[in-house]
Amino acid sequence: IMALASSSTSALAQQDGSISGTVRDPQGAVLPGASVTATQSGRGAVRTVSVDAQGAYRISGLSPGTYTIRVELSGFREFVGQSIE
C-alpha cells in the first residue's frame, strides 16, 4: 500500500489541522475501504478513518504536532509513514 499524504493547519483559535491523501497500490489503483490511522507522537492521540470509493481520506480536527500514519487493508502489506507534521 502506498499513501500520499498532505497536511494543513488552520489559523483558528483551536489551531486544528488535518491530514489527507489518496491510498493506492504499487500499480496506482486506488484502494477503497483501507483503514488510515494517525497517531500523534508523544501524546498517543489516535484517529482512524476509512478510505472512500475514490481512494481518498481526510483526518481532521488534529492538534498541531507530529504524527505516524498507518494504512491497512486485508491482502496488502501495511504502510507506515512517520514524522508527518
C-alpha atoms as a PDB file:
ATOM      1  CA  ILE A   1       0.000   0.000   0.000  1.00  0.00           C
ATOM      2  CA  MET A   2       1.224   3.465  -0.787  1.00  0.00           C
ATOM      3  CA  ALA A   3      -0.283   6.521   0.850  1.00  0.00           C
ATOM      4  CA  LEU A   4       0.142  10.026  -0.381  1.00  0.00           C
ATOM      5  CA  ALA A   5      -0.368  12.441   2.479  1.00  0.00           C
ATOM      6  CA  SER A   6      -0.559  16.157   2.777  1.00  0.00           C
ATOM      7  CA  SER A   7      -1.183  18.170   5.871  1.00  0.00           C
ATOM      8  CA  SER A   8      -2.638  21.550   6.613  1.00  0.00           C
ATOM      9  CA  THR A   9      -3.290  23.629   9.673  1.00  0.00           C
ATOM     10  CA  SER A  10      -5.850  26.287  10.316  1.00  0.00           C
ATOM     11  CA  ALA A  11      -5.255  29.700  11.863  1.00  0.00           C
ATOM     12  CA  LEU A  12      -8.362  29.344  14.008  1.00  0.00           C
ATOM     13  CA  ALA A  13      -8.152  29.741  17.769  1.00  0.00           C
ATOM     14  CA  GLN A  14      -8.052  25.985  18.308  1.00  0.00           C
ATOM     15  CA  GLN A  15      -5.415  25.556  15.599  1.00  0.00           C
ATOM     16  CA  ASP A  16      -6.956  22.309  14.347  1.00  0.00           C
ATOM     17  CA  GLY A  17      -5.205  20.676  11.431  1.00  0.00           C
ATOM     18  CA  SER A  18      -5.845  17.837   9.046  1.00  0.00           C
ATOM     19  CA  ILE A  19      -4.014  15.128   7.139  1.00  0.00           C
ATOM     20  CA  SER A  20      -5.419  13.976   3.817  1.00  0.00           C
ATOM     21  CA  GLY A  21      -4.328  11.929   0.865  1.00  0.00           C
ATOM     22  CA  THR A  22      -5.016   9.085  -1.540  1.00  0.00           C
ATOM     23  CA  VAL A  23      -4.271   5.411  -0.924  1.00  0.00           C
ATOM     24  CA  ARG A  24      -3.009   3.466  -3.955  1.00  0.00           C
ATOM     25  CA  ASP A  25      -1.424   0.096  -4.638  1.00  0.00           C
ATOM     26  CA  PRO A  26       2.018  -0.139  -6.319  1.00  0.00           C
ATOM     27  CA  GLN A  27       0.354  -0.120  -9.766  1.00  0.00           C
ATOM     28  CA  GLY A  28      -1.519   3.117  -8.975  1.00  0.00           C
ATOM     29  CA  ALA A  29      -5.008   1.687  -8.432  1.00  0.00           C
ATOM     30  CA  VAL A  30      -6.936   3.254  -5.548  1.00  0.00           C
ATOM     31  CA  LEU A  31      -7.769   1.099  -2.523  1.00  0.00           C
ATOM     32  CA  PRO A  32     -11.227   1.949  -1.182  1.00  0.00           C
ATOM     33  CA  GLY A  33     -12.013   0.558   2.254  1.00  0.00           C
ATOM     34  CA  ALA A  34      -8.457   0.795   3.578  1.00  0.00           C
ATOM     35  CA  SER A  35      -8.092   2.000   7.157  1.00  0.00           C
ATOM     36  CA  VAL A  36      -5.902   5.055   7.841  1.00  0.00           C
ATOM     37  CA  THR A  37      -4.804   5.751  11.420  1.00  0.00           C
ATOM     38  CA  ALA A  38      -2.998   8.889  12.627  1.00  0.00           C
ATOM     39  CA  THR A  39      -1.197   8.612  15.973  1.00  0.00           C
ATOM     40  CA  GLN A  40       0.254  11.773  17.490  1.00  0.00           C
ATOM     41  CA  SER A  41       3.857  11.350  18.592  1.00  0.00           C
ATOM     42  CA  GLY A  42       4.401  11.897  22.293  1.00  0.00           C
ATOM     43  CA  ARG A  43       0.716  12.214  23.174  1.00  0.00           C
ATOM     44  CA  GLY A  44      -0.543   8.966  21.711  1.00  0.00           C
ATOM     45  CA  ALA A  45      -3.813  10.515  20.484  1.00  0.00           C
ATOM     46  CA  VAL A  46      -5.273   8.226  17.798  1.00  0.00           C
ATOM     47  CA  ARG A  47      -7.769   8.920  14.991  1.00  0.00           C
ATOM     48  CA  THR A  48      -8.857   6.363  12.373  1.00  0.00           C
ATOM     49  CA  VAL A  49     -10.846   6.840   9.151  1.00  0.00           C
ATOM     50  CA  SER A  50     -11.801   4.679   6.175  1.00  0.00           C
ATOM     51  CA  VAL A  51     -10.749   5.428   2.608  1.00  0.00           C
ATOM     52  CA  ASP A  52     -13.646   6.368   0.304  1.00  0.00           C
ATOM     53  CA  ALA A  53     -14.531   4.904  -3.113  1.00  0.00           C
ATOM     54  CA  GLN A  54     -12.055   7.254  -4.852  1.00  0.00           C
ATOM     55  CA  GLY A  55      -9.191   6.184  -2.558  1.00  0.00           C
ATOM     56  CA  ALA A  56      -9.249   9.469  -0.625  1.00  0.00           C
ATOM     57  CA  TYR A  57      -9.117  10.057   3.105  1.00  0.00           C
ATOM     58  CA  ARG A  58      -9.108  13.084   5.410  1.00  0.00           C
ATOM     59  CA  ILE A  59      -8.413  13.104   9.133  1.00  0.00           C
ATOM     60  CA  SER A  60      -9.429  16.484  10.543  1.00  0.00           C
ATOM     61  CA  GLY A  61      -9.556  18.066  13.976  1.00  0.00           C
ATOM     62  CA  LEU A  62      -5.934  17.214  14.728  1.00  0.00           C
ATOM     63  CA  SER A  63      -3.820  19.126  17.219  1.00  0.00           C
ATOM     64  CA  PRO A  64      -0.603  20.588  15.803  1.00  0.00           C
ATOM     65  CA  GLY A  65       2.281  18.138  16.089  1.00  0.00           C
ATOM     66  CA  THR A  66       3.984  15.162  14.504  1.00  0.00           C
ATOM     67  CA  TYR A  67       2.049  12.051  13.522  1.00  0.00           C
ATOM     68  CA  THR A  68       2.647   8.473  12.425  1.00  0.00           C
ATOM     69  CA  ILE A  69       0.262   7.389   9.645  1.00  0.00           C
ATOM     70  CA  ARG A  70      -0.601   3.696   9.345  1.00  0.00           C
ATOM     71  CA  VAL A  71      -2.546   2.355   6.340  1.00  0.00           C
ATOM     72  CA  GLU A  72      -4.004  -1.152   6.451  1.00  0.00           C
ATOM     73  CA  LEU A  73      -6.097  -3.265   4.099  1.00  0.00           C
ATOM     74  CA  SER A  74      -6.541  -7.032   4.161  1.00  0.00           C
ATOM     75  CA  GLY A  75      -4.412  -8.697   1.478  1.00  0.00           C
ATOM     76  CA  PHE A  76      -1.860  -5.853   1.371  1.00  0.00           C
ATOM     77  CA  ARG A  77       1.290  -5.130   3.308  1.00  0.00           C
ATOM     78  CA  GLU A  78       0.847  -2.381   5.895  1.00  0.00           C
ATOM     79  CA  PHE A  79       2.235   1.098   5.126  1.00  0.00           C
ATOM     80  CA  VAL A  80       3.670   3.285   7.886  1.00  0.00           C
ATOM     81  CA  GLY A  81       4.662   6.910   7.359  1.00  0.00           C
ATOM     82  CA  GLN A  82       6.469   8.596  10.232  1.00  0.00           C
ATOM     83  CA  SER A  83       7.151  12.201  11.207  1.00  0.00           C
ATOM     84  CA  ILE A  84       4.193  13.700   9.310  1.00  0.00           C
ATOM     85  CA  GLU A  85       3.674  17.276  10.553  1.00  0.00           C
END
